[in-house]
Amino acid sequence: YYLTSDAVFSIEPNGNITIVSGNVVLGKDWRTLPGQTVTVAKDASFTVPMGKNYQIYGTAVVEGKLAVEGTIELMSTAASLKATEGLNVITNVADHVVKCEKGTYTIMEQIKVTITVENKTMVAGNKLPAFTFQADPAVEGLELEFTCDTNGSSVGSFPITAKVIKPTDKKYVYTINDGELTVEEALVRAYAV
């Protein structure tokens, strides 16, 4: 499973593995077992070359160097990787995404959010109304940027579209339902003299 000439391993009776020192390069795809911990000690390095896949069912802890040109994949919601941030870590667990918090990669369920842009009505020639929305479920700090292809001077119906400005965290999957701005003709009042 791996190519090494100088690595020193420690294998515990429970199946946990520590790469104590040296460099380990995956020679083929490799996986940890559920409940197993693989540790790369401070004086060791672990390399996942291009085209190779390291699948984690248990826990991987990297105190030394981790080089990833291939893929690291968290295979269950119990899997985790403690390493430097910014690595290409993925998951194939449906409706879940990988999050990294303080150097620990875990899997979290995606939250599906439906955003409905509210319809608005205005009188031609007036200032455009403030555009608003409803989100289900509510998302703290949710901000949208609205677009409506009118300045309010022409009578008619115009779509109000929106895009999410923040949060852009990949744990959220947004569905946006457009609203509509109806611009009505201004009433002209005639008075008898």
N, C-alpha and C. Protein backbone atom coordinates (compact mmCIF):
# COMPACT_ATOMS: atom_id res chain seq x y z
N TYR A 1 0.80 -1.21 0.00
CA TYR A 1 0.00 0.00 0.00
C TYR A 1 0.84 1.27 0.00
N TYR A 2 2.07 1.17 0.43
CA TYR A 2 2.88 2.37 0.53
C TYR A 2 4.31 2.07 0.10
N LEU A 3 5.00 3.15 -0.28
CA LEU A 3 6.40 3.05 -0.68
C LEU A 3 7.22 3.80 0.35
N THR A 4 8.16 3.14 0.96
CA THR A 4 8.99 3.80 1.95
C THR A 4 10.28 3.01 2.11
N SER A 5 11.33 3.71 2.46
CA SER A 5 12.57 3.01 2.74
C SER A 5 13.07 3.35 4.13
N ASP A 6 12.55 4.42 4.71
CA ASP A 6 13.10 4.87 5.98
C ASP A 6 12.05 5.07 7.07
N ALA A 7 10.79 4.74 6.80
CA ALA A 7 9.74 5.01 7.78
C ALA A 7 9.77 3.99 8.91
N VAL A 8 9.49 4.48 10.12
CA VAL A 8 9.38 3.63 11.29
C VAL A 8 7.92 3.68 11.73
N PHE A 9 7.30 2.48 11.87
CA PHE A 9 5.89 2.37 12.24
C PHE A 9 5.76 1.80 13.64
N SER A 10 4.68 2.18 14.30
CA SER A 10 4.28 1.56 15.55
C SER A 10 2.85 1.11 15.36
N ILE A 11 2.59 -0.18 15.53
CA ILE A 11 1.24 -0.72 15.36
C ILE A 11 0.79 -1.30 16.69
N GLU A 12 -0.31 -0.75 17.20
CA GLU A 12 -0.84 -1.17 18.49
C GLU A 12 -1.74 -2.40 18.31
N PRO A 13 -1.96 -3.16 19.38
CA PRO A 13 -2.83 -4.34 19.30
C PRO A 13 -4.26 -4.02 18.82
N ASN A 14 -4.75 -2.79 19.09
CA ASN A 14 -6.09 -2.42 18.66
C ASN A 14 -6.16 -1.99 17.19
N GLY A 15 -5.01 -2.05 16.49
CA GLY A 15 -4.98 -1.70 15.07
C GLY A 15 -4.59 -0.27 14.77
N ASN A 16 -4.43 0.56 15.79
CA ASN A 16 -4.00 1.94 15.55
C ASN A 16 -2.55 1.95 15.07
N ILE A 17 -2.28 2.84 14.12
CA ILE A 17 -0.95 2.90 13.51
C ILE A 17 -0.37 4.29 13.72
N THR A 18 0.91 4.35 14.09
CA THR A 18 1.63 5.61 14.16
C THR A 18 2.84 5.51 13.24
N ILE A 19 2.97 6.50 12.35
CA ILE A 19 4.18 6.63 11.55
C ILE A 19 5.10 7.50 12.40
N VAL A 20 6.10 6.87 13.00
CA VAL A 20 6.94 7.54 13.99
C VAL A 20 7.92 8.50 13.34
N SER A 21 8.55 8.06 12.25
CA SER A 21 9.52 8.91 11.55
C SER A 21 9.64 8.43 10.11
N GLY A 22 10.32 9.24 9.31
CA GLY A 22 10.51 8.90 7.90
C GLY A 22 9.35 9.37 7.05
N ASN A 23 9.41 8.98 5.77
CA ASN A 23 8.42 9.42 4.79
C ASN A 23 7.66 8.23 4.24
N VAL A 24 6.34 8.31 4.25
CA VAL A 24 5.48 7.28 3.66
C VAL A 24 4.78 7.89 2.45
N VAL A 25 4.90 7.22 1.31
CA VAL A 25 4.23 7.65 0.08
C VAL A 25 3.28 6.53 -0.32
N LEU A 26 2.01 6.86 -0.51
CA LEU A 26 1.05 5.83 -0.93
C LEU A 26 1.43 5.29 -2.30
N GLY A 27 1.51 3.97 -2.41
CA GLY A 27 1.78 3.33 -3.69
C GLY A 27 0.50 2.91 -4.39
N LYS A 28 -0.58 2.81 -3.61
CA LYS A 28 -1.90 2.53 -4.15
C LYS A 28 -2.93 3.11 -3.18
N ASP A 29 -4.19 3.09 -3.57
CA ASP A 29 -5.23 3.62 -2.68
C ASP A 29 -5.18 2.91 -1.34
N TRP A 30 -5.48 3.65 -0.26
CA TRP A 30 -5.38 3.10 1.08
C TRP A 30 -6.55 3.62 1.91
N ARG A 31 -6.95 2.86 2.91
CA ARG A 31 -8.05 3.29 3.77
C ARG A 31 -7.76 2.91 5.21
N THR A 32 -8.27 3.76 6.11
CA THR A 32 -8.28 3.39 7.52
C THR A 32 -9.58 2.65 7.79
N LEU A 33 -9.62 1.88 8.86
CA LEU A 33 -10.81 1.14 9.23
C LEU A 33 -11.67 1.96 10.19
N PRO A 34 -12.97 1.68 10.26
CA PRO A 34 -13.79 2.36 11.25
C PRO A 34 -13.22 2.15 12.65
N GLY A 35 -13.10 3.23 13.41
CA GLY A 35 -12.56 3.16 14.76
C GLY A 35 -11.05 3.18 14.85
N GLN A 36 -10.36 3.05 13.72
CA GLN A 36 -8.90 3.04 13.71
C GLN A 36 -8.36 4.46 13.65
N THR A 37 -7.24 4.68 14.33
CA THR A 37 -6.56 5.98 14.28
C THR A 37 -5.19 5.79 13.64
N VAL A 38 -4.91 6.60 12.62
CA VAL A 38 -3.59 6.63 11.99
C VAL A 38 -2.98 7.98 12.33
N THR A 39 -1.79 7.96 12.93
CA THR A 39 -1.12 9.19 13.35
C THR A 39 0.19 9.33 12.58
N VAL A 40 0.42 10.53 12.05
CA VAL A 40 1.70 10.86 11.44
C VAL A 40 2.42 11.75 12.46
N ALA A 41 3.44 11.19 13.11
CA ALA A 41 4.13 11.91 14.19
C ALA A 41 4.88 13.13 13.65
N LYS A 42 5.33 13.95 14.57
CA LYS A 42 5.98 15.23 14.24
C LYS A 42 7.19 15.06 13.32
N ASP A 43 7.94 13.98 13.47
CA ASP A 43 9.15 13.78 12.67
C ASP A 43 8.90 12.94 11.42
N ALA A 44 7.65 12.72 11.06
CA ALA A 44 7.32 11.89 9.91
C ALA A 44 6.57 12.70 8.86
N SER A 45 6.47 12.11 7.66
CA SER A 45 5.67 12.73 6.60
C SER A 45 4.88 11.66 5.87
N PHE A 46 3.77 12.09 5.32
CA PHE A 46 2.84 11.19 4.64
C PHE A 46 2.44 11.86 3.33
N THR A 47 2.59 11.16 2.22
CA THR A 47 2.29 11.75 0.91
C THR A 47 1.22 10.94 0.19
N VAL A 48 0.22 11.65 -0.31
CA VAL A 48 -0.82 11.05 -1.16
C VAL A 48 -0.54 11.57 -2.57
N PRO A 49 0.10 10.74 -3.42
CA PRO A 49 0.47 11.21 -4.76
C PRO A 49 -0.73 11.42 -5.67
N MET A 50 -0.49 12.13 -6.77
CA MET A 50 -1.51 12.35 -7.79
C MET A 50 -2.09 11.01 -8.23
N GLY A 51 -3.41 10.95 -8.32
CA GLY A 51 -4.07 9.74 -8.78
C GLY A 51 -4.33 8.71 -7.68
N LYS A 52 -3.87 8.97 -6.46
CA LYS A 52 -4.08 8.04 -5.34
C LYS A 52 -5.15 8.62 -4.40
N ASN A 53 -5.83 7.72 -3.69
CA ASN A 53 -6.92 8.11 -2.82
C ASN A 53 -6.69 7.52 -1.43
N TYR A 54 -6.76 8.38 -0.41
CA TYR A 54 -6.64 7.94 0.98
C TYR A 54 -8.02 8.10 1.60
N GLN A 55 -8.67 6.99 1.91
CA GLN A 55 -10.02 6.99 2.45
C GLN A 55 -9.96 6.82 3.96
N ILE A 56 -10.62 7.72 4.67
CA ILE A 56 -10.60 7.70 6.13
C ILE A 56 -11.99 7.32 6.64
N TYR A 57 -12.06 6.15 7.30
CA TYR A 57 -13.28 5.71 7.97
C TYR A 57 -13.20 6.01 9.46
N GLY A 58 -11.99 6.11 9.98
CA GLY A 58 -11.78 6.38 11.40
C GLY A 58 -11.23 7.78 11.59
N THR A 59 -10.03 7.86 12.19
CA THR A 59 -9.42 9.15 12.49
C THR A 59 -7.99 9.16 11.97
N ALA A 60 -7.60 10.27 11.38
CA ALA A 60 -6.21 10.47 10.98
C ALA A 60 -5.72 11.75 11.67
N VAL A 61 -4.56 11.68 12.28
CA VAL A 61 -3.98 12.83 12.98
C VAL A 61 -2.60 13.06 12.39
N VAL A 62 -2.39 14.25 11.84
CA VAL A 62 -1.11 14.56 11.21
C VAL A 62 -0.43 15.66 12.01
N GLU A 63 0.61 15.28 12.74
CA GLU A 63 1.40 16.25 13.48
C GLU A 63 2.63 16.65 12.67
N GLY A 64 3.03 15.77 11.76
CA GLY A 64 4.17 16.03 10.88
C GLY A 64 3.71 16.66 9.58
N LYS A 65 4.32 16.25 8.48
CA LYS A 65 4.04 16.84 7.18
C LYS A 65 3.07 15.96 6.40
N LEU A 66 2.10 16.60 5.76
CA LEU A 66 1.16 15.90 4.89
C LEU A 66 1.18 16.57 3.53
N ALA A 67 1.51 15.81 2.50
CA ALA A 67 1.51 16.34 1.13
C ALA A 67 0.40 15.62 0.37
N VAL A 68 -0.50 16.40 -0.21
CA VAL A 68 -1.65 15.81 -0.89
C VAL A 68 -1.70 16.33 -2.33
N GLU A 69 -1.38 15.45 -3.27
CA GLU A 69 -1.57 15.75 -4.68
C GLU A 69 -2.77 14.96 -5.20
N GLY A 70 -3.09 13.86 -4.50
CA GLY A 70 -4.25 13.04 -4.84
C GLY A 70 -5.46 13.51 -4.05
N THR A 71 -6.19 12.56 -3.47
CA THR A 71 -7.43 12.89 -2.78
C THR A 71 -7.47 12.25 -1.40
N ILE A 72 -7.93 13.01 -0.44
CA ILE A 72 -8.27 12.48 0.87
C ILE A 72 -9.79 12.53 0.97
N GLU A 73 -10.39 11.39 1.33
CA GLU A 73 -11.84 11.30 1.35
C GLU A 73 -12.32 10.81 2.71
N LEU A 74 -13.17 11.62 3.35
CA LEU A 74 -13.80 11.21 4.60
C LEU A 74 -15.01 10.37 4.24
N MET A 75 -15.04 9.11 4.72
CA MET A 75 -15.99 8.13 4.23
C MET A 75 -17.24 7.96 5.09
N SER A 76 -17.28 8.56 6.27
CA SER A 76 -18.47 8.44 7.11
C SER A 76 -18.54 9.66 8.02
N THR A 77 -19.69 9.85 8.65
CA THR A 77 -19.84 11.00 9.54
C THR A 77 -18.98 10.86 10.80
N ALA A 78 -18.46 9.66 11.06
CA ALA A 78 -17.56 9.45 12.20
C ALA A 78 -16.10 9.70 11.85
N ALA A 79 -15.80 9.90 10.58
CA ALA A 79 -14.41 10.08 10.14
C ALA A 79 -13.94 11.51 10.42
N SER A 80 -12.64 11.65 10.69
CA SER A 80 -12.07 12.99 10.88
C SER A 80 -10.59 12.97 10.53
N LEU A 81 -10.11 14.14 10.17
CA LEU A 81 -8.70 14.34 9.85
C LEU A 81 -8.23 15.60 10.55
N LYS A 82 -7.19 15.48 11.36
CA LYS A 82 -6.60 16.65 12.00
C LYS A 82 -5.29 16.93 11.28
N ALA A 83 -5.24 18.07 10.58
CA ALA A 83 -4.07 18.41 9.77
C ALA A 83 -4.09 19.90 9.48
N THR A 84 -3.15 20.34 8.66
CA THR A 84 -3.14 21.75 8.27
C THR A 84 -4.37 22.07 7.43
N GLU A 85 -4.80 23.31 7.48
CA GLU A 85 -5.98 23.71 6.71
C GLU A 85 -5.60 23.94 5.25
N GLY A 86 -6.61 23.93 4.39
CA GLY A 86 -6.40 24.21 2.98
C GLY A 86 -6.16 22.98 2.12
N LEU A 87 -6.36 21.79 2.68
CA LEU A 87 -6.16 20.56 1.91
C LEU A 87 -7.40 20.24 1.09
N ASN A 88 -7.21 19.45 0.04
CA ASN A 88 -8.32 18.98 -0.78
C ASN A 88 -8.90 17.74 -0.12
N VAL A 89 -9.86 17.95 0.75
CA VAL A 89 -10.52 16.85 1.46
C VAL A 89 -11.97 16.81 0.99
N ILE A 90 -12.43 15.64 0.56
CA ILE A 90 -13.78 15.52 0.01
C ILE A 90 -14.54 14.44 0.76
N THR A 91 -15.82 14.30 0.43
CA THR A 91 -16.62 13.19 0.94
C THR A 91 -17.60 12.76 -0.14
N ASN A 92 -18.00 11.49 -0.08
CA ASN A 92 -19.05 11.02 -0.99
C ASN A 92 -20.30 10.66 -0.21
N VAL A 93 -20.38 11.08 1.05
CA VAL A 93 -21.57 10.84 1.87
C VAL A 93 -22.65 11.79 1.36
N ALA A 94 -23.77 11.23 0.92
CA ALA A 94 -24.84 12.03 0.30
C ALA A 94 -25.33 13.14 1.23
N ASP A 95 -25.56 14.32 0.65
CA ASP A 95 -26.10 15.49 1.36
C ASP A 95 -25.21 15.97 2.50
N HIS A 96 -23.92 15.66 2.43
CA HIS A 96 -22.97 16.13 3.44
C HIS A 96 -21.79 16.81 2.74
N VAL A 97 -21.12 17.67 3.47
CA VAL A 97 -19.93 18.35 2.96
C VAL A 97 -18.84 18.29 4.02
N VAL A 98 -17.62 18.53 3.60
CA VAL A 98 -16.49 18.56 4.52
C VAL A 98 -16.35 19.98 5.06
N LYS A 99 -16.17 20.07 6.36
CA LYS A 99 -15.87 21.38 6.96
C LYS A 99 -14.54 21.26 7.68
N CYS A 100 -13.83 22.38 7.76
CA CYS A 100 -12.57 22.41 8.48
C CYS A 100 -12.67 23.50 9.53
N GLU A 101 -12.51 23.10 10.78
CA GLU A 101 -12.57 24.06 11.86
C GLU A 101 -11.37 23.85 12.77
N LYS A 102 -10.53 24.87 12.87
CA LYS A 102 -9.33 24.82 13.71
C LYS A 102 -8.46 23.62 13.38
N GLY A 103 -8.31 23.34 12.08
CA GLY A 103 -7.42 22.28 11.63
C GLY A 103 -7.99 20.88 11.69
N THR A 104 -9.27 20.74 12.01
CA THR A 104 -9.89 19.41 12.01
C THR A 104 -10.98 19.34 10.95
N TYR A 105 -10.81 18.38 10.03
CA TYR A 105 -11.78 18.17 8.97
C TYR A 105 -12.80 17.14 9.42
N THR A 106 -14.06 17.47 9.30
CA THR A 106 -15.14 16.54 9.62
C THR A 106 -16.23 16.69 8.55
N ILE A 107 -17.21 15.80 8.63
CA ILE A 107 -18.33 15.86 7.69
C ILE A 107 -19.54 16.43 8.41
N MET A 108 -20.25 17.30 7.73
CA MET A 108 -21.48 17.84 8.29
C MET A 108 -22.58 17.80 7.25
N GLU A 109 -23.79 17.69 7.72
CA GLU A 109 -24.94 17.63 6.82
C GLU A 109 -25.17 18.99 6.17
N GLN A 110 -25.46 18.98 4.88
CA GLN A 110 -25.79 20.22 4.20
C GLN A 110 -27.17 20.68 4.63
N ILE A 111 -27.33 21.98 4.72
CA ILE A 111 -28.61 22.57 5.09
C ILE A 111 -29.22 23.17 3.83
N LYS A 112 -30.39 22.68 3.47
CA LYS A 112 -31.09 23.19 2.28
C LYS A 112 -31.94 24.39 2.70
N VAL A 113 -31.68 25.54 2.08
CA VAL A 113 -32.36 26.78 2.43
C VAL A 113 -33.14 27.26 1.21
N THR A 114 -34.43 27.51 1.39
CA THR A 114 -35.25 28.08 0.33
C THR A 114 -35.44 29.55 0.61
N ILE A 115 -35.04 30.37 -0.35
CA ILE A 115 -35.17 31.82 -0.23
C ILE A 115 -36.26 32.27 -1.20
N THR A 116 -37.22 33.01 -0.67
CA THR A 116 -38.29 33.55 -1.50
C THR A 116 -38.20 35.07 -1.49
N VAL A 117 -37.94 35.63 -2.67
CA VAL A 117 -37.90 37.09 -2.81
C VAL A 117 -39.35 37.58 -2.82
N GLU A 118 -39.65 38.54 -1.97
CA GLU A 118 -41.02 39.00 -1.83
C GLU A 118 -41.41 39.93 -2.98
N ASN A 119 -42.66 39.79 -3.43
CA ASN A 119 -43.19 40.66 -4.49
C ASN A 119 -43.38 42.07 -3.95
N LYS A 120 -43.22 43.04 -4.83
CA LYS A 120 -43.38 44.45 -4.46
C LYS A 120 -44.23 45.16 -5.51
N THR A 121 -44.90 46.24 -5.09
CA THR A 121 -45.69 47.07 -5.98
C THR A 121 -45.27 48.51 -5.75
N MET A 122 -45.25 49.28 -6.83
CA MET A 122 -44.89 50.69 -6.71
C MET A 122 -45.62 51.49 -7.78
N VAL A 123 -45.63 52.79 -7.62
CA VAL A 123 -46.20 53.71 -8.61
C VAL A 123 -45.07 54.22 -9.49
N ALA A 124 -45.33 54.23 -10.80
CA ALA A 124 -44.31 54.68 -11.76
C ALA A 124 -43.81 56.07 -11.39
N GLY A 125 -42.51 56.25 -11.50
CA GLY A 125 -41.89 57.54 -11.22
C GLY A 125 -41.41 57.68 -9.78
N ASN A 126 -41.86 56.82 -8.90
CA ASN A 126 -41.41 56.87 -7.51
C ASN A 126 -40.10 56.09 -7.36
N LYS A 127 -39.52 56.21 -6.18
CA LYS A 127 -38.29 55.49 -5.87
C LYS A 127 -38.59 53.99 -5.76
N LEU A 128 -37.65 53.16 -6.21
CA LEU A 128 -37.81 51.71 -6.09
C LEU A 128 -37.96 51.33 -4.62
N PRO A 129 -38.83 50.38 -4.32
CA PRO A 129 -38.98 49.95 -2.93
C PRO A 129 -37.77 49.12 -2.48
N ALA A 130 -37.64 48.98 -1.19
CA ALA A 130 -36.60 48.09 -0.66
C ALA A 130 -37.03 46.65 -0.94
N PHE A 131 -36.11 45.85 -1.45
CA PHE A 131 -36.42 44.46 -1.74
C PHE A 131 -36.15 43.63 -0.50
N THR A 132 -37.03 42.68 -0.25
CA THR A 132 -36.95 41.85 0.95
C THR A 132 -37.13 40.38 0.57
N PHE A 133 -36.87 39.51 1.55
CA PHE A 133 -36.97 38.08 1.30
C PHE A 133 -37.33 37.34 2.57
N GLN A 134 -37.72 36.10 2.41
CA GLN A 134 -37.94 35.17 3.50
C GLN A 134 -37.03 33.96 3.26
N ALA A 135 -36.46 33.41 4.31
CA ALA A 135 -35.60 32.23 4.18
C ALA A 135 -36.13 31.14 5.10
N ASP A 136 -36.20 29.92 4.56
CA ASP A 136 -36.66 28.78 5.34
C ASP A 136 -35.69 27.62 5.16
N PRO A 137 -34.95 27.22 6.21
CA PRO A 137 -34.94 27.81 7.55
C PRO A 137 -34.17 29.13 7.56
N ALA A 138 -34.35 29.89 8.64
CA ALA A 138 -33.63 31.15 8.78
C ALA A 138 -32.14 30.88 8.89
N VAL A 139 -31.33 31.75 8.29
CA VAL A 139 -29.87 31.64 8.33
C VAL A 139 -29.33 32.94 8.92
N GLU A 140 -28.64 32.83 10.03
CA GLU A 140 -28.09 34.02 10.68
C GLU A 140 -27.09 34.72 9.76
N GLY A 141 -27.24 36.04 9.62
CA GLY A 141 -26.31 36.83 8.82
C GLY A 141 -26.52 36.73 7.32
N LEU A 142 -27.65 36.15 6.88
CA LEU A 142 -27.90 35.98 5.45
C LEU A 142 -28.09 37.34 4.78
N GLU A 143 -27.30 37.59 3.75
CA GLU A 143 -27.41 38.83 2.98
C GLU A 143 -27.53 38.49 1.50
N LEU A 144 -28.42 39.21 0.81
CA LEU A 144 -28.62 39.01 -0.62
C LEU A 144 -28.33 40.29 -1.37
N GLU A 145 -28.00 40.12 -2.64
CA GLU A 145 -27.88 41.25 -3.56
C GLU A 145 -29.01 41.08 -4.56
N PHE A 146 -29.84 42.12 -4.70
CA PHE A 146 -31.01 42.06 -5.57
C PHE A 146 -30.74 42.76 -6.89
N THR A 147 -31.40 42.26 -7.94
CA THR A 147 -31.33 42.89 -9.25
C THR A 147 -32.75 42.95 -9.82
N CYS A 148 -33.12 44.13 -10.34
CA CYS A 148 -34.41 44.31 -11.00
C CYS A 148 -34.18 45.23 -12.18
N ASP A 149 -34.55 44.78 -13.36
CA ASP A 149 -34.22 45.49 -14.59
C ASP A 149 -35.19 46.62 -14.90
N THR A 150 -35.33 47.54 -13.95
CA THR A 150 -36.14 48.73 -14.16
C THR A 150 -35.69 49.81 -13.19
N ASN A 151 -35.93 51.04 -13.58
CA ASN A 151 -35.67 52.14 -12.64
C ASN A 151 -36.99 52.67 -12.07
N GLY A 152 -38.10 52.01 -12.45
CA GLY A 152 -39.40 52.38 -11.90
C GLY A 152 -40.15 53.42 -12.71
N SER A 153 -39.64 53.80 -13.87
CA SER A 153 -40.33 54.81 -14.66
C SER A 153 -41.33 54.21 -15.66
N SER A 154 -41.17 52.94 -15.99
CA SER A 154 -42.05 52.29 -16.95
C SER A 154 -43.04 51.38 -16.23
N VAL A 155 -44.29 51.38 -16.72
CA VAL A 155 -45.33 50.52 -16.17
C VAL A 155 -45.10 49.09 -16.65
N GLY A 156 -45.33 48.11 -15.76
CA GLY A 156 -45.18 46.71 -16.14
C GLY A 156 -44.76 45.86 -14.96
N SER A 157 -44.48 44.59 -15.26
CA SER A 157 -44.00 43.64 -14.25
C SER A 157 -42.57 43.25 -14.56
N PHE A 158 -41.74 43.25 -13.54
CA PHE A 158 -40.31 43.00 -13.71
C PHE A 158 -39.85 41.98 -12.67
N PRO A 159 -39.06 40.96 -13.10
CA PRO A 159 -38.56 39.99 -12.12
C PRO A 159 -37.54 40.63 -11.17
N ILE A 160 -37.64 40.21 -9.91
CA ILE A 160 -36.64 40.60 -8.91
C ILE A 160 -35.82 39.35 -8.66
N THR A 161 -34.55 39.37 -9.04
CA THR A 161 -33.67 38.24 -8.81
C THR A 161 -32.72 38.56 -7.67
N ALA A 162 -32.11 37.52 -7.14
CA ALA A 162 -31.20 37.72 -6.00
C ALA A 162 -30.08 36.71 -6.06
N LYS A 163 -28.96 37.08 -5.45
CA LYS A 163 -27.88 36.13 -5.23
C LYS A 163 -27.38 36.31 -3.81
N VAL A 164 -26.87 35.24 -3.24
CA VAL A 164 -26.41 35.26 -1.86
C VAL A 164 -25.03 35.90 -1.79
N ILE A 165 -24.90 36.88 -0.92
CA ILE A 165 -23.62 37.54 -0.67
C ILE A 165 -22.91 36.83 0.48
N LYS A 166 -23.65 36.55 1.55
CA LYS A 166 -23.11 35.79 2.66
C LYS A 166 -24.24 35.22 3.49
N PRO A 167 -24.03 34.14 4.21
CA PRO A 167 -22.81 33.35 4.21
C PRO A 167 -22.72 32.45 2.97
N THR A 168 -21.50 32.29 2.47
CA THR A 168 -21.27 31.44 1.30
C THR A 168 -20.69 30.10 1.72
N ASP A 169 -20.79 29.79 3.00
CA ASP A 169 -20.33 28.51 3.53
C ASP A 169 -20.97 27.38 2.74
N LYS A 170 -20.18 26.40 2.32
CA LYS A 170 -20.71 25.33 1.48
C LYS A 170 -21.64 24.39 2.22
N LYS A 171 -21.81 24.60 3.53
CA LYS A 171 -22.78 23.76 4.24
C LYS A 171 -24.21 24.13 3.85
N TYR A 172 -24.40 25.31 3.24
CA TYR A 172 -25.73 25.74 2.82
C TYR A 172 -25.91 25.50 1.32
N VAL A 173 -27.07 24.95 0.97
CA VAL A 173 -27.46 24.81 -0.43
C VAL A 173 -28.70 25.69 -0.61
N TYR A 174 -28.56 26.71 -1.43
CA TYR A 174 -29.64 27.70 -1.57
C TYR A 174 -30.48 27.44 -2.82
N THR A 175 -31.80 27.56 -2.65
CA THR A 175 -32.73 27.62 -3.77
C THR A 175 -33.40 28.97 -3.67
N ILE A 176 -33.31 29.76 -4.74
CA ILE A 176 -33.86 31.12 -4.71
C ILE A 176 -35.05 31.21 -5.66
N ASN A 177 -36.20 31.60 -5.10
CA ASN A 177 -37.40 31.85 -5.89
C ASN A 177 -37.52 33.35 -6.12
N ASP A 178 -37.50 33.75 -7.39
CA ASP A 178 -37.56 35.17 -7.74
C ASP A 178 -38.89 35.79 -7.32
N GLY A 179 -38.83 37.08 -7.10
CA GLY A 179 -40.04 37.85 -6.84
C GLY A 179 -40.40 38.67 -8.06
N GLU A 180 -41.40 39.53 -7.90
CA GLU A 180 -41.83 40.36 -9.03
C GLU A 180 -42.15 41.76 -8.55
N LEU A 181 -41.67 42.73 -9.30
CA LEU A 181 -41.99 44.13 -9.04
C LEU A 181 -43.05 44.56 -10.04
N THR A 182 -44.18 45.02 -9.54
CA THR A 182 -45.24 45.53 -10.40
C THR A 182 -45.21 47.05 -10.31
N VAL A 183 -45.00 47.69 -11.46
CA VAL A 183 -44.98 49.15 -11.53
C VAL A 183 -46.32 49.58 -12.13
N GLU A 184 -47.09 50.30 -11.31
CA GLU A 184 -48.42 50.73 -11.74
C GLU A 184 -48.40 52.18 -12.22
N GLU A 185 -49.37 52.46 -13.06
CA GLU A 185 -49.49 53.82 -13.60
C GLU A 185 -49.91 54.77 -12.49
N ALA A 186 -49.32 55.95 -12.51
CA ALA A 186 -49.67 56.95 -11.52
C ALA A 186 -51.09 57.45 -11.79
N LEU A 187 -51.87 57.63 -10.73
CA LEU A 187 -53.23 58.16 -10.90
C LEU A 187 -53.16 59.65 -11.15
N VAL A 188 -53.91 60.08 -12.14
CA VAL A 188 -53.98 61.51 -12.43
C VAL A 188 -55.35 61.98 -11.98
N ARG A 189 -55.37 62.93 -11.11
CA ARG A 189 -56.65 63.43 -10.60
C ARG A 189 -57.01 64.72 -11.33
N ALA A 190 -58.23 64.73 -11.78
CA ALA A 190 -58.72 65.96 -12.45
C ALA A 190 -59.74 66.60 -11.52
N TYR A 191 -59.64 67.89 -11.40
CA TYR A 191 -60.57 68.63 -10.55
C TYR A 191 -61.36 69.59 -11.42
N ALA A 192 -62.64 69.68 -11.14
CA ALA A 192 -63.49 70.64 -11.87
C ALA A 192 -63.26 72.01 -11.29
N VAL A 193 -63.24 72.99 -12.14
CA VAL A 193 -63.04 74.37 -11.69
C VAL A 193 -64.31 75.14 -11.81
